[in-house]
Amino acid sequence: MPAGARFEGRVAVVTGAAGGIGGGIVARLAAEGAHIVATDRADGLKQAVAEAAGDTAQEWVAVAADLSSGEGADEVVNTAIDRFGRLDVLVNNAGGGIIKPFLDHTPESMRETVDRNLWTTVHCCRAALPHMLAAGYGRIVNVGADSVRNGLYDHAMYNAAKGGVHGLTTGLAREFAPSGITVNTVAPTGTDTPTVLSRPPEAVERYRKTAALVPIGRFATVGEVASAVAYLAAEEAGFITGQVVSVNGGTAML
């Protein structure tokens, strides 16, 4: 662990930890000294966290849970308290969109999109906030989406769910600011996760065209998104709250 690590002694819950961005967040927070409680409903969670955290990380634990229910969120937060006695940071990264034209959605696919992205965040915030209030300190960082701002094609339902996350951010930020708790959102544009990089041949041209819309000319790296999350999750970012921070290569400005 590096000397003077920003998260030494801190405990962070990271949701969606088995995925590309989630793994990058785990790696970054663990490298800076955090104890990690990682959760996902995907197979291979423990192995993914072990690979992301590395051999020199502080103690961590993986919890398989469905966060679209209050019970799943409670289990994860209670694990943090039981194992480490505290909860300092909550990173709500669980999500994943069902991306299709709006009229092609079914009631089931719409419900799943909202469950994955909005309800996971709501339930985890409700589970974590009482402990942060008791401690007089907390950092909540939600992972939103830049497509909420730019109206990306075929993303209407996904944007409805992620837009809810953005709105939840500002409401919670104002409500809990006097209690030493900050709430912010990091909103990435397209990101070169392993899933994106392994895209099938028929998706290559769509990837190229989408990346060309970004002024910097490429998608974000996982590390660039994780860096923004880590800053907002740190004690030094204590005067930043209620913000949606775009990591988008200039796709939308101001």
Protein backbone atom coordinates (compact mmCIF):
# COMPACT_ATOMS: atom_id res chain seq x y z
CA MET A 1 0.00 0.00 0.00
CA PRO A 2 1.49 3.38 -0.94
CA ALA A 3 2.52 5.74 1.85
CA GLY A 4 -0.12 8.33 2.63
CA ALA A 5 -2.82 6.40 0.78
CA ARG A 6 -6.03 8.43 0.59
CA PHE A 7 -8.26 5.59 1.77
CA GLU A 8 -6.11 4.09 4.50
CA GLY A 9 -8.47 2.92 7.24
CA ARG A 10 -11.55 3.59 5.12
CA VAL A 11 -14.17 1.03 4.11
CA ALA A 12 -15.79 1.21 0.69
CA VAL A 13 -18.75 -0.68 -0.74
CA VAL A 14 -18.50 -1.02 -4.53
CA THR A 15 -21.50 -2.38 -6.41
CA GLY A 16 -21.33 -3.90 -9.89
CA ALA A 17 -17.81 -4.92 -8.92
CA ALA A 18 -17.44 -7.84 -11.33
CA GLY A 19 -17.74 -5.64 -14.41
CA GLY A 20 -15.22 -3.53 -16.26
CA ILE A 21 -15.81 -0.14 -14.62
CA GLY A 22 -16.55 -1.78 -11.27
CA GLY A 23 -13.31 -3.73 -11.42
CA GLY A 24 -11.42 -0.55 -12.22
CA ILE A 25 -12.97 1.19 -9.22
CA VAL A 26 -12.09 -1.73 -6.94
CA ALA A 27 -8.52 -1.67 -8.23
CA ARG A 28 -8.14 2.08 -7.70
CA LEU A 29 -9.63 2.21 -4.19
CA ALA A 30 -7.76 -0.91 -3.08
CA ALA A 31 -4.47 0.48 -4.41
CA GLU A 32 -5.03 3.57 -2.26
CA GLY A 33 -5.59 1.59 0.91
CA ALA A 34 -9.33 0.97 1.20
CA HIS A 35 -10.95 -2.11 2.63
CA ILE A 36 -13.41 -3.20 -0.06
CA VAL A 37 -16.84 -4.79 0.22
CA ALA A 38 -17.52 -5.76 -3.38
CA THR A 39 -20.89 -6.90 -4.62
CA ASP A 40 -22.44 -8.10 -7.86
CA ARG A 41 -24.94 -10.71 -8.95
CA ALA A 42 -22.69 -11.94 -11.75
CA ASP A 43 -20.83 -15.23 -11.65
CA GLY A 44 -17.11 -15.08 -10.91
CA LEU A 45 -17.36 -12.14 -8.50
CA LYS A 46 -14.74 -13.38 -6.04
CA GLN A 47 -12.18 -14.12 -8.74
CA ALA A 48 -12.83 -10.77 -10.43
CA VAL A 49 -12.32 -8.88 -7.18
CA ALA A 50 -9.18 -10.82 -6.34
CA GLU A 51 -7.70 -9.95 -9.72
CA ALA A 52 -8.70 -6.29 -9.44
CA ALA A 53 -7.57 -5.78 -5.85
CA GLY A 54 -4.24 -7.56 -6.27
CA ASP A 55 -2.02 -9.33 -3.77
CA THR A 56 -1.07 -6.24 -1.74
CA ALA A 57 -4.59 -4.98 -1.04
CA GLN A 58 -6.08 -4.54 2.38
CA GLU A 59 -8.66 -7.08 3.52
CA TRP A 60 -11.69 -7.29 1.26
CA VAL A 61 -14.87 -9.33 1.02
CA ALA A 62 -17.15 -10.25 -1.88
CA VAL A 63 -20.92 -10.52 -1.42
CA ALA A 64 -23.17 -11.92 -4.14
CA ALA A 65 -26.47 -10.02 -3.90
CA ASP A 66 -29.40 -8.73 -5.91
CA LEU A 67 -29.40 -5.03 -5.07
CA SER A 68 -32.72 -4.35 -6.77
CA SER A 69 -34.27 -5.46 -3.49
CA GLY A 70 -33.88 -3.76 -0.14
CA GLU A 71 -32.87 -7.06 1.42
CA GLY A 72 -29.90 -7.43 -0.90
CA ALA A 73 -28.65 -3.92 -0.17
CA ASP A 74 -29.07 -4.45 3.57
CA GLU A 75 -27.02 -7.65 3.38
CA VAL A 76 -24.12 -5.88 1.70
CA VAL A 77 -24.08 -2.92 4.07
CA ASN A 78 -24.46 -5.15 7.13
CA THR A 79 -21.49 -7.18 5.90
CA ALA A 80 -19.37 -4.02 5.86
CA ILE A 81 -20.42 -3.09 9.39
CA ASP A 82 -20.04 -6.61 10.77
CA ARG A 83 -16.65 -7.19 9.13
CA PHE A 84 -15.03 -3.78 9.46
CA GLY A 85 -17.16 -1.81 11.92
CA ARG A 86 -17.75 1.13 9.60
CA LEU A 87 -18.78 2.30 6.13
CA ASP A 88 -17.16 5.41 4.69
CA VAL A 89 -17.68 5.18 0.94
CA LEU A 90 -20.51 3.83 -1.20
CA VAL A 91 -19.94 3.57 -4.95
CA ASN A 92 -23.19 2.76 -6.76
CA ASN A 93 -21.87 1.29 -9.99
CA ALA A 94 -24.38 -1.56 -10.47
CA GLY A 95 -26.36 -1.11 -13.65
CA GLY A 96 -26.38 -2.14 -17.26
CA GLY A 97 -28.79 -1.07 -19.92
CA ILE A 98 -31.13 -2.92 -22.21
CA ILE A 99 -30.43 -0.69 -25.17
CA LYS A 100 -33.10 -0.73 -27.88
CA PRO A 101 -35.61 1.60 -29.54
CA PHE A 102 -38.21 2.74 -27.03
CA LEU A 103 -41.15 1.06 -28.76
CA ASP A 104 -39.26 -2.25 -28.87
CA HIS A 105 -39.17 -2.40 -25.09
CA THR A 106 -41.55 -4.65 -23.22
CA PRO A 107 -42.91 -3.97 -19.74
CA GLU A 108 -40.39 -6.55 -18.51
CA SER A 109 -37.37 -4.95 -20.18
CA MET A 110 -38.38 -1.48 -18.97
CA ARG A 111 -38.78 -2.77 -15.43
CA GLU A 112 -35.42 -4.54 -15.56
CA THR A 113 -33.66 -1.41 -16.81
CA VAL A 114 -35.04 0.64 -13.92
CA ASP A 115 -34.37 -2.15 -11.40
CA ARG A 116 -30.73 -2.51 -12.48
CA ASN A 117 -29.87 1.17 -12.52
CA LEU A 118 -32.18 3.20 -10.28
CA TRP A 119 -33.51 0.83 -7.65
CA THR A 120 -30.06 -0.62 -6.93
CA THR A 121 -28.86 2.89 -6.16
CA VAL A 122 -31.91 3.84 -4.08
CA HIS A 123 -31.75 0.70 -1.95
CA CYS A 124 -28.01 0.95 -1.33
CA CYS A 125 -28.28 4.61 -0.32
CA ARG A 126 -31.10 3.81 2.11
CA ALA A 127 -29.05 1.02 3.64
CA ALA A 128 -25.80 3.01 3.91
CA LEU A 129 -26.98 6.46 5.00
CA PRO A 130 -27.97 5.64 8.61
CA HIS A 131 -24.42 4.41 9.28
CA MET A 132 -22.88 7.46 7.63
CA LEU A 133 -25.18 9.73 9.64
CA ALA A 134 -24.09 8.05 12.87
CA ALA A 135 -20.44 8.56 11.93
CA GLY A 136 -20.92 12.15 10.72
CA TYR A 137 -19.03 11.29 7.54
CA GLY A 138 -19.72 9.68 4.19
CA ARG A 139 -18.99 9.73 0.50
CA ILE A 140 -21.56 8.44 -1.98
CA VAL A 141 -20.52 8.31 -5.63
CA ASN A 142 -23.08 7.15 -8.16
CA VAL A 143 -22.17 6.07 -11.67
CA GLY A 144 -24.59 7.73 -14.07
CA ALA A 145 -24.44 8.21 -17.82
CA ASP A 146 -23.44 11.04 -20.14
CA SER A 147 -26.23 9.89 -22.47
CA VAL A 148 -28.70 11.53 -20.07
CA ARG A 149 -27.37 14.87 -21.30
CA ASN A 150 -26.93 14.13 -24.98
CA GLY A 151 -29.98 11.99 -25.73
CA LEU A 152 -28.02 9.15 -27.29
CA TYR A 153 -30.00 7.13 -29.84
CA ASP A 154 -31.84 4.04 -28.52
CA HIS A 155 -31.12 5.07 -24.92
CA ALA A 156 -34.47 6.58 -23.88
CA MET A 157 -35.36 3.94 -21.31
CA TYR A 158 -31.80 3.66 -20.02
CA ASN A 159 -31.66 7.45 -19.75
CA ALA A 160 -34.90 7.44 -17.75
CA ALA A 161 -33.28 5.14 -15.20
CA LYS A 162 -29.92 6.92 -15.10
CA GLY A 163 -31.62 10.31 -15.10
CA GLY A 164 -33.33 9.16 -11.92
CA VAL A 165 -29.90 8.49 -10.45
CA HIS A 166 -28.78 12.01 -11.39
CA GLY A 167 -31.89 13.47 -9.74
CA LEU A 168 -31.45 11.33 -6.63
CA THR A 169 -27.90 12.68 -6.37
CA THR A 170 -28.91 16.31 -6.06
CA GLY A 171 -31.75 15.59 -3.65
CA LEU A 172 -29.62 13.51 -1.29
CA ALA A 173 -26.71 15.93 -1.56
CA ARG A 174 -28.79 18.84 -0.26
CA GLU A 175 -30.52 16.78 2.42
CA PHE A 176 -27.36 15.30 3.91
CA ALA A 177 -24.80 18.07 3.33
CA PRO A 178 -25.07 19.34 6.95
CA SER A 179 -24.18 15.84 8.17
CA GLY A 180 -20.74 15.56 6.58
CA ILE A 181 -21.99 13.39 3.72
CA THR A 182 -21.38 14.25 0.08
CA VAL A 183 -23.27 12.72 -2.86
CA ASN A 184 -22.05 13.04 -6.44
CA THR A 185 -22.37 11.27 -9.77
CA VAL A 186 -19.71 10.38 -12.31
CA ALA A 187 -21.27 10.19 -15.78
CA PRO A 188 -19.10 8.39 -18.34
CA THR A 189 -19.55 8.37 -22.07
CA GLY A 190 -18.65 5.18 -23.95
CA THR A 191 -15.96 3.31 -22.04
CA ASP A 192 -13.51 0.68 -23.25
CA THR A 193 -14.54 -2.10 -20.90
CA PRO A 194 -13.58 -5.71 -21.74
CA THR A 195 -17.13 -6.24 -23.03
CA VAL A 196 -16.88 -3.28 -25.39
CA LEU A 197 -13.41 -4.26 -26.57
CA SER A 198 -14.60 -7.78 -27.37
CA ARG A 199 -17.42 -6.46 -29.56
CA PRO A 200 -18.46 -8.67 -32.50
CA PRO A 201 -17.30 -7.71 -36.00
CA GLU A 202 -20.70 -6.30 -36.98
CA ALA A 203 -20.42 -3.77 -34.12
CA VAL A 204 -17.01 -2.41 -35.11
CA GLU A 205 -18.37 0.20 -37.51
CA ARG A 206 -20.92 1.42 -34.97
CA TYR A 207 -18.12 1.69 -32.38
CA ARG A 208 -15.98 3.71 -34.80
CA LYS A 209 -18.82 6.12 -35.61
CA THR A 210 -19.72 6.59 -31.97
CA ALA A 211 -16.11 7.22 -30.94
CA ALA A 212 -15.81 9.77 -33.74
CA LEU A 213 -18.48 11.89 -32.02
CA VAL A 214 -16.14 12.38 -29.05
CA PRO A 215 -13.91 15.45 -29.57
CA ILE A 216 -10.93 13.62 -28.06
CA GLY A 217 -11.61 10.91 -30.65
CA ARG A 218 -11.92 7.81 -28.49
CA PHE A 219 -13.86 6.20 -25.66
CA ALA A 220 -12.82 6.59 -22.03
CA THR A 221 -10.58 4.05 -20.38
CA VAL A 222 -11.77 2.24 -17.27
CA GLY A 223 -8.94 3.88 -15.35
CA GLU A 224 -10.08 7.37 -16.32
CA VAL A 225 -13.58 6.71 -14.97
CA ALA A 226 -12.20 5.10 -11.81
CA SER A 227 -9.94 8.11 -11.22
CA ALA A 228 -12.91 10.48 -11.16
CA VAL A 229 -14.78 8.17 -8.78
CA ALA A 230 -11.77 7.92 -6.46
CA TYR A 231 -11.37 11.69 -6.23
CA LEU A 232 -15.02 12.28 -5.31
CA ALA A 233 -14.86 9.40 -2.82
CA ALA A 234 -11.88 10.88 -1.02
CA GLU A 235 -11.88 13.08 2.07
CA GLU A 236 -10.25 15.90 0.10
CA ALA A 237 -13.38 16.30 -2.06
CA GLY A 238 -15.43 17.38 0.94
CA PHE A 239 -16.60 20.66 -0.62
CA ILE A 240 -17.99 19.02 -3.75
CA THR A 241 -21.53 17.70 -3.53
CA GLY A 242 -24.62 17.45 -5.71
CA GLN A 243 -22.57 17.39 -8.91
CA VAL A 244 -22.77 15.30 -12.05
CA VAL A 245 -19.18 15.09 -13.28
CA SER A 246 -18.99 14.08 -16.94
CA VAL A 247 -16.10 11.89 -18.07
CA ASN A 248 -16.88 12.28 -21.73
CA GLY A 249 -13.93 13.52 -23.76
CA GLY A 250 -15.77 16.79 -24.45
CA THR A 251 -18.90 15.23 -25.93
CA ALA A 252 -20.95 17.73 -23.91
CA MET A 253 -19.39 20.81 -22.39
CA LEU A 254 -20.41 23.05 -19.49
